[in-house]
Amino acid sequence: MPSGGCICGNVRYEVQGDGEANVLCHCMDCRKISGSAYSTNAVYPEDVFKVTKGTPKQHKKTAEGGQEIISNFCGDCGSTMWREGKTFAGKRIIKVGTLDDTSILDNFKTNAELFTKNRPKWVGAQDGAAQKEGMS
């Protein structure tokens, strides 16, 4: 059962099984949240996800796709661990870098790239991944 958490360890979570999709997102929100060129995400059903320690803070905003998205982060260290919202109803969008098992990231196979219109020119498209200029 994969587990993860924030950098200070005050908020922890776990998920069961494999995610439904592995997605790179190039939207401007994901750039800001990750502090990088894109975010690396695994999408899990909400019923296999649970917080095992602490209580995350939440930040709600209208995302680039037009729907509200909720970021769940540690109020102490600021690490964003997952997101949720209507666009991914019933799902948790796990920030893969917050998982403890680094082999998950080492073996990450991208199913889709979102907001490719924002992808930096120096980042190439992932082989075999659906390429979407927006959410759909």
N, C-alpha and C. Protein backbone atom coordinates (compact mmCIF):
# COMPACT_ATOMS: atom_id res chain seq x y z
N MET A 1 0.85 -1.18 0.00
CA MET A 1 0.00 0.00 0.00
C MET A 1 0.89 1.24 0.00
N PRO A 2 0.88 2.00 -1.09
CA PRO A 2 1.72 3.20 -1.13
C PRO A 2 1.30 4.23 -0.08
N SER A 3 2.30 4.83 0.53
CA SER A 3 2.04 5.89 1.51
C SER A 3 2.91 7.08 1.15
N GLY A 4 2.53 8.22 1.69
CA GLY A 4 3.28 9.44 1.42
C GLY A 4 2.94 10.51 2.43
N GLY A 5 3.49 11.66 2.22
CA GLY A 5 3.22 12.75 3.13
C GLY A 5 4.05 13.98 2.80
N CYS A 6 3.93 14.94 3.68
CA CYS A 6 4.63 16.21 3.49
C CYS A 6 6.09 16.06 3.92
N ILE A 7 6.87 17.08 3.67
CA ILE A 7 8.29 17.02 3.96
C ILE A 7 8.58 17.00 5.47
N CYS A 8 7.74 17.61 6.29
CA CYS A 8 7.99 17.62 7.73
C CYS A 8 7.38 16.41 8.45
N GLY A 9 6.50 15.67 7.75
CA GLY A 9 5.92 14.46 8.34
C GLY A 9 4.67 14.67 9.16
N ASN A 10 4.17 15.88 9.24
CA ASN A 10 2.99 16.14 10.07
C ASN A 10 1.68 15.70 9.42
N VAL A 11 1.66 15.56 8.09
CA VAL A 11 0.48 15.04 7.39
C VAL A 11 0.94 13.82 6.58
N ARG A 12 0.23 12.71 6.76
CA ARG A 12 0.55 11.46 6.07
C ARG A 12 -0.73 10.92 5.43
N TYR A 13 -0.56 10.17 4.35
CA TYR A 13 -1.69 9.54 3.67
C TYR A 13 -1.26 8.20 3.11
N GLU A 14 -2.24 7.39 2.71
CA GLU A 14 -1.95 6.15 2.00
C GLU A 14 -3.05 5.88 0.99
N VAL A 15 -2.67 5.12 -0.04
CA VAL A 15 -3.60 4.71 -1.09
C VAL A 15 -3.45 3.21 -1.30
N GLN A 16 -4.51 2.58 -1.76
CA GLN A 16 -4.48 1.14 -2.03
C GLN A 16 -4.46 0.91 -3.53
N GLY A 17 -3.68 -0.07 -3.95
CA GLY A 17 -3.66 -0.46 -5.36
C GLY A 17 -2.91 0.52 -6.23
N ASP A 18 -3.16 0.38 -7.51
CA ASP A 18 -2.53 1.23 -8.51
C ASP A 18 -3.47 2.37 -8.87
N GLY A 19 -2.89 3.48 -9.27
CA GLY A 19 -3.70 4.60 -9.71
C GLY A 19 -4.41 4.29 -11.03
N GLU A 20 -5.44 5.07 -11.32
CA GLU A 20 -6.20 4.89 -12.56
C GLU A 20 -5.52 5.53 -13.75
N ALA A 21 -4.72 6.55 -13.50
CA ALA A 21 -4.03 7.25 -14.59
C ALA A 21 -2.80 7.96 -14.02
N ASN A 22 -1.81 8.13 -14.87
CA ASN A 22 -0.61 8.90 -14.54
C ASN A 22 -0.56 10.07 -15.51
N VAL A 23 -0.55 11.27 -14.96
CA VAL A 23 -0.74 12.47 -15.77
C VAL A 23 0.32 13.52 -15.44
N LEU A 24 0.91 14.07 -16.49
CA LEU A 24 1.74 15.27 -16.34
C LEU A 24 0.84 16.45 -16.66
N CYS A 25 0.89 17.47 -15.84
CA CYS A 25 0.07 18.65 -16.09
C CYS A 25 0.96 19.88 -16.22
N HIS A 26 0.74 20.60 -17.32
CA HIS A 26 1.52 21.80 -17.62
C HIS A 26 0.73 23.09 -17.37
N CYS A 27 -0.41 22.99 -16.67
CA CYS A 27 -1.20 24.21 -16.42
C CYS A 27 -0.42 25.15 -15.51
N MET A 28 -0.79 26.40 -15.53
CA MET A 28 -0.07 27.40 -14.75
C MET A 28 -0.22 27.16 -13.24
N ASP A 29 -1.36 26.62 -12.81
CA ASP A 29 -1.55 26.31 -11.39
C ASP A 29 -0.56 25.23 -10.94
N CYS A 30 -0.40 24.18 -11.76
CA CYS A 30 0.52 23.11 -11.38
C CYS A 30 1.97 23.59 -11.38
N ARG A 31 2.29 24.51 -12.27
CA ARG A 31 3.64 25.10 -12.24
C ARG A 31 3.87 25.80 -10.90
N LYS A 32 2.89 26.59 -10.49
CA LYS A 32 3.04 27.34 -9.24
C LYS A 32 3.10 26.40 -8.03
N ILE A 33 2.21 25.41 -8.02
CA ILE A 33 2.15 24.49 -6.86
C ILE A 33 3.42 23.65 -6.76
N SER A 34 3.93 23.21 -7.91
CA SER A 34 5.12 22.34 -7.88
C SER A 34 6.42 23.14 -7.81
N GLY A 35 6.35 24.41 -8.18
CA GLY A 35 7.56 25.20 -8.25
C GLY A 35 8.47 24.73 -9.37
N SER A 36 7.86 24.13 -10.39
CA SER A 36 8.63 23.55 -11.49
C SER A 36 7.90 23.76 -12.81
N ALA A 37 8.36 23.09 -13.86
CA ALA A 37 7.79 23.27 -15.20
C ALA A 37 6.44 22.58 -15.37
N TYR A 38 6.16 21.56 -14.55
CA TYR A 38 4.90 20.79 -14.62
C TYR A 38 4.77 19.97 -13.35
N SER A 39 3.63 19.33 -13.17
CA SER A 39 3.47 18.44 -12.03
C SER A 39 3.26 17.01 -12.50
N THR A 40 3.70 16.08 -11.69
CA THR A 40 3.60 14.66 -11.97
C THR A 40 2.56 14.09 -11.02
N ASN A 41 1.47 13.54 -11.58
CA ASN A 41 0.30 13.17 -10.79
C ASN A 41 -0.14 11.74 -11.05
N ALA A 42 -0.63 11.09 -10.02
CA ALA A 42 -1.30 9.79 -10.14
C ALA A 42 -2.73 9.98 -9.65
N VAL A 43 -3.69 9.55 -10.44
CA VAL A 43 -5.11 9.73 -10.12
C VAL A 43 -5.64 8.44 -9.50
N TYR A 44 -6.18 8.57 -8.28
CA TYR A 44 -6.73 7.44 -7.52
C TYR A 44 -8.19 7.71 -7.19
N PRO A 45 -9.01 6.65 -7.09
CA PRO A 45 -10.37 6.83 -6.59
C PRO A 45 -10.32 7.29 -5.13
N GLU A 46 -11.24 8.17 -4.74
CA GLU A 46 -11.21 8.69 -3.38
C GLU A 46 -11.44 7.60 -2.33
N ASP A 47 -12.10 6.51 -2.68
CA ASP A 47 -12.39 5.48 -1.68
C ASP A 47 -11.19 4.58 -1.36
N VAL A 48 -10.06 4.72 -2.07
CA VAL A 48 -8.85 3.97 -1.73
C VAL A 48 -7.79 4.89 -1.12
N PHE A 49 -8.18 6.12 -0.85
CA PHE A 49 -7.28 7.13 -0.30
C PHE A 49 -7.70 7.45 1.14
N LYS A 50 -6.72 7.56 2.04
CA LYS A 50 -7.06 8.02 3.40
C LYS A 50 -5.89 8.75 4.04
N VAL A 51 -6.24 9.76 4.81
CA VAL A 51 -5.26 10.50 5.60
C VAL A 51 -5.01 9.67 6.85
N THR A 52 -3.75 9.40 7.15
CA THR A 52 -3.40 8.57 8.30
C THR A 52 -2.81 9.38 9.45
N LYS A 53 -2.44 10.63 9.20
CA LYS A 53 -1.87 11.47 10.25
C LYS A 53 -2.09 12.93 9.90
N GLY A 54 -2.49 13.70 10.89
CA GLY A 54 -2.62 15.13 10.72
C GLY A 54 -3.86 15.55 9.95
N THR A 55 -3.99 16.85 9.79
CA THR A 55 -5.10 17.43 9.05
C THR A 55 -4.53 18.45 8.07
N PRO A 56 -4.71 18.21 6.78
CA PRO A 56 -4.17 19.18 5.82
C PRO A 56 -4.98 20.47 5.81
N LYS A 57 -4.33 21.53 5.42
CA LYS A 57 -5.03 22.76 5.12
C LYS A 57 -5.47 22.66 3.67
N GLN A 58 -6.44 23.49 3.30
CA GLN A 58 -6.94 23.48 1.92
C GLN A 58 -6.93 24.89 1.35
N HIS A 59 -6.65 24.94 0.06
CA HIS A 59 -6.74 26.18 -0.68
C HIS A 59 -7.63 25.91 -1.89
N LYS A 60 -8.70 26.70 -2.03
CA LYS A 60 -9.64 26.54 -3.15
C LYS A 60 -9.47 27.69 -4.12
N LYS A 61 -9.54 27.36 -5.41
CA LYS A 61 -9.48 28.41 -6.42
C LYS A 61 -10.09 27.89 -7.71
N THR A 62 -10.39 28.80 -8.62
CA THR A 62 -10.85 28.40 -9.94
C THR A 62 -9.61 28.10 -10.77
N ALA A 63 -9.56 26.87 -11.27
CA ALA A 63 -8.39 26.41 -12.03
C ALA A 63 -8.45 26.94 -13.46
N GLU A 64 -7.36 26.76 -14.17
CA GLU A 64 -7.25 27.21 -15.56
C GLU A 64 -8.34 26.61 -16.44
N GLY A 65 -8.81 25.41 -16.09
CA GLY A 65 -9.88 24.75 -16.85
C GLY A 65 -11.26 25.29 -16.53
N GLY A 66 -11.39 26.21 -15.55
CA GLY A 66 -12.66 26.85 -15.24
C GLY A 66 -13.41 26.28 -14.05
N GLN A 67 -12.98 25.15 -13.52
CA GLN A 67 -13.64 24.54 -12.36
C GLN A 67 -12.85 24.81 -11.09
N GLU A 68 -13.54 24.75 -9.95
CA GLU A 68 -12.85 24.90 -8.67
C GLU A 68 -11.97 23.68 -8.43
N ILE A 69 -10.78 23.93 -7.93
CA ILE A 69 -9.87 22.86 -7.53
C ILE A 69 -9.40 23.15 -6.11
N ILE A 70 -9.25 22.09 -5.34
CA ILE A 70 -8.84 22.20 -3.95
C ILE A 70 -7.48 21.56 -3.79
N SER A 71 -6.53 22.33 -3.30
CA SER A 71 -5.20 21.83 -3.00
C SER A 71 -5.13 21.49 -1.52
N ASN A 72 -4.62 20.31 -1.20
CA ASN A 72 -4.46 19.87 0.19
C ASN A 72 -2.97 19.89 0.50
N PHE A 73 -2.61 20.67 1.54
CA PHE A 73 -1.20 20.88 1.84
C PHE A 73 -0.98 20.92 3.34
N CYS A 74 0.25 20.75 3.75
CA CYS A 74 0.60 20.83 5.17
C CYS A 74 0.67 22.29 5.58
N GLY A 75 -0.02 22.63 6.66
CA GLY A 75 -0.01 24.00 7.17
C GLY A 75 1.30 24.38 7.82
N ASP A 76 2.16 23.40 8.10
CA ASP A 76 3.46 23.69 8.73
C ASP A 76 4.58 23.87 7.70
N CYS A 77 4.73 22.90 6.78
CA CYS A 77 5.84 22.98 5.82
C CYS A 77 5.41 23.45 4.43
N GLY A 78 4.10 23.43 4.14
CA GLY A 78 3.58 23.93 2.88
C GLY A 78 3.53 22.94 1.74
N SER A 79 3.96 21.70 1.96
CA SER A 79 3.96 20.70 0.87
C SER A 79 2.55 20.40 0.39
N THR A 80 2.30 20.56 -0.92
CA THR A 80 1.03 20.14 -1.51
C THR A 80 1.14 18.66 -1.82
N MET A 81 0.17 17.86 -1.31
CA MET A 81 0.24 16.40 -1.46
C MET A 81 -0.79 15.86 -2.43
N TRP A 82 -1.96 16.48 -2.49
CA TRP A 82 -2.98 16.05 -3.45
C TRP A 82 -3.93 17.19 -3.71
N ARG A 83 -4.68 17.00 -4.82
CA ARG A 83 -5.71 17.96 -5.21
C ARG A 83 -6.98 17.19 -5.51
N GLU A 84 -8.09 17.91 -5.52
CA GLU A 84 -9.40 17.31 -5.81
C GLU A 84 -10.32 18.40 -6.34
N GLY A 85 -11.38 17.99 -7.02
CA GLY A 85 -12.33 18.96 -7.54
C GLY A 85 -13.30 18.32 -8.51
N LYS A 86 -14.24 19.12 -9.02
CA LYS A 86 -15.29 18.63 -9.91
C LYS A 86 -14.75 18.01 -11.18
N THR A 87 -13.67 18.54 -11.71
CA THR A 87 -13.11 18.00 -12.95
C THR A 87 -12.70 16.54 -12.76
N PHE A 88 -12.24 16.21 -11.56
CA PHE A 88 -11.87 14.84 -11.22
C PHE A 88 -12.76 14.36 -10.07
N ALA A 89 -14.05 14.45 -10.25
CA ALA A 89 -15.01 14.09 -9.19
C ALA A 89 -14.78 12.65 -8.73
N GLY A 90 -14.75 12.48 -7.40
CA GLY A 90 -14.55 11.16 -6.82
C GLY A 90 -13.12 10.66 -6.89
N LYS A 91 -12.19 11.54 -7.22
CA LYS A 91 -10.79 11.16 -7.37
C LYS A 91 -9.90 12.01 -6.48
N ARG A 92 -8.70 11.51 -6.25
CA ARG A 92 -7.64 12.27 -5.60
C ARG A 92 -6.47 12.31 -6.56
N ILE A 93 -5.95 13.49 -6.80
CA ILE A 93 -4.83 13.69 -7.71
C ILE A 93 -3.58 13.82 -6.84
N ILE A 94 -2.89 12.70 -6.69
CA ILE A 94 -1.73 12.63 -5.82
C ILE A 94 -0.50 13.22 -6.52
N LYS A 95 0.21 14.08 -5.82
CA LYS A 95 1.49 14.59 -6.31
C LYS A 95 2.51 13.49 -6.05
N VAL A 96 2.95 12.82 -7.12
CA VAL A 96 3.75 11.60 -7.02
C VAL A 96 5.04 11.82 -6.23
N GLY A 97 5.61 12.99 -6.29
CA GLY A 97 6.83 13.28 -5.53
C GLY A 97 6.64 13.23 -4.03
N THR A 98 5.40 13.19 -3.54
CA THR A 98 5.15 13.10 -2.10
C THR A 98 5.00 11.66 -1.62
N LEU A 99 5.04 10.69 -2.55
CA LEU A 99 5.00 9.28 -2.16
C LEU A 99 6.36 8.86 -1.61
N ASP A 100 6.35 7.95 -0.63
CA ASP A 100 7.60 7.49 0.00
C ASP A 100 8.41 6.59 -0.92
N ASP A 101 7.75 5.75 -1.68
CA ASP A 101 8.42 4.77 -2.53
C ASP A 101 8.89 5.45 -3.82
N THR A 102 10.17 5.74 -3.91
CA THR A 102 10.69 6.45 -5.08
C THR A 102 10.65 5.61 -6.35
N SER A 103 10.49 4.29 -6.23
CA SER A 103 10.41 3.46 -7.43
C SER A 103 9.13 3.76 -8.22
N ILE A 104 8.11 4.28 -7.55
CA ILE A 104 6.87 4.66 -8.25
C ILE A 104 7.18 5.76 -9.27
N LEU A 105 7.96 6.73 -8.86
CA LEU A 105 8.35 7.80 -9.78
C LEU A 105 9.36 7.28 -10.82
N ASP A 106 10.27 6.42 -10.39
CA ASP A 106 11.25 5.85 -11.33
C ASP A 106 10.57 5.08 -12.44
N ASN A 107 9.46 4.41 -12.13
CA ASN A 107 8.76 3.56 -13.10
C ASN A 107 7.49 4.20 -13.65
N PHE A 108 7.35 5.49 -13.48
CA PHE A 108 6.16 6.23 -13.89
C PHE A 108 5.98 6.17 -15.40
N LYS A 109 4.83 5.72 -15.84
CA LYS A 109 4.47 5.67 -17.27
C LYS A 109 3.31 6.64 -17.48
N THR A 110 3.55 7.72 -18.18
CA THR A 110 2.56 8.76 -18.37
C THR A 110 1.48 8.32 -19.35
N ASN A 111 0.19 8.44 -18.92
CA ASN A 111 -0.94 8.15 -19.80
C ASN A 111 -1.36 9.38 -20.60
N ALA A 112 -1.21 10.56 -19.98
CA ALA A 112 -1.68 11.78 -20.64
C ALA A 112 -0.87 12.98 -20.15
N GLU A 113 -0.79 13.96 -21.02
CA GLU A 113 -0.24 15.27 -20.66
C GLU A 113 -1.35 16.29 -20.89
N LEU A 114 -1.59 17.10 -19.87
CA LEU A 114 -2.64 18.12 -19.93
C LEU A 114 -2.01 19.50 -20.09
N PHE A 115 -2.76 20.39 -20.73
CA PHE A 115 -2.35 21.78 -20.96
C PHE A 115 -1.00 21.84 -21.68
N THR A 116 -0.87 21.01 -22.72
CA THR A 116 0.37 20.97 -23.50
C THR A 116 0.68 22.31 -24.17
N LYS A 117 -0.34 23.14 -24.33
CA LYS A 117 -0.10 24.47 -24.91
C LYS A 117 0.85 25.29 -24.04
N ASN A 118 0.98 24.92 -22.75
CA ASN A 118 1.87 25.62 -21.82
C ASN A 118 3.20 24.90 -21.62
N ARG A 119 3.37 23.72 -22.23
CA ARG A 119 4.59 22.94 -22.01
C ARG A 119 5.81 23.75 -22.47
N PRO A 120 6.83 23.85 -21.64
CA PRO A 120 8.05 24.55 -22.05
C PRO A 120 8.65 23.87 -23.29
N LYS A 121 9.24 24.66 -24.15
CA LYS A 121 9.80 24.14 -25.39
C LYS A 121 10.90 23.11 -25.16
N TRP A 122 11.58 23.17 -24.03
CA TRP A 122 12.67 22.24 -23.75
C TRP A 122 12.19 20.92 -23.15
N VAL A 123 10.88 20.79 -22.88
CA VAL A 123 10.31 19.54 -22.36
C VAL A 123 9.62 18.83 -23.52
N GLY A 124 10.06 17.63 -23.83
CA GLY A 124 9.48 16.87 -24.93
C GLY A 124 8.21 16.15 -24.53
N ALA A 125 7.38 15.83 -25.51
CA ALA A 125 6.16 15.06 -25.27
C ALA A 125 6.54 13.65 -24.84
N GLN A 126 5.77 13.08 -23.93
CA GLN A 126 6.00 11.73 -23.44
C GLN A 126 5.49 10.71 -24.46
N ASP A 127 6.33 9.75 -24.81
CA ASP A 127 5.95 8.71 -25.77
C ASP A 127 4.72 7.96 -25.29
N GLY A 128 3.74 7.80 -26.16
CA GLY A 128 2.55 7.02 -25.86
C GLY A 128 1.50 7.73 -25.02
N ALA A 129 1.78 8.95 -24.56
CA ALA A 129 0.84 9.68 -23.72
C ALA A 129 -0.09 10.53 -24.60
N ALA A 130 -1.37 10.52 -24.28
CA ALA A 130 -2.32 11.40 -24.96
C ALA A 130 -1.90 12.85 -24.72
N GLN A 131 -1.98 13.65 -25.75
CA GLN A 131 -1.56 15.05 -25.68
C GLN A 131 -2.81 15.93 -25.75
N LYS A 132 -3.07 16.69 -24.67
CA LYS A 132 -4.28 17.51 -24.60
C LYS A 132 -3.91 18.95 -24.32
N GLU A 133 -4.40 19.86 -25.16
CA GLU A 133 -4.10 21.27 -24.99
C GLU A 133 -4.73 21.85 -23.73
N GLY A 134 -5.82 21.26 -23.27
CA GLY A 134 -6.49 21.68 -22.05
C GLY A 134 -6.79 20.45 -21.21
N MET A 135 -8.02 20.39 -20.68
CA MET A 135 -8.44 19.25 -19.86
C MET A 135 -8.98 18.11 -20.70
N SER A 136 -9.54 18.43 -21.86
CA SER A 136 -10.15 17.35 -22.65
C SER A 136 -9.67 17.36 -24.08
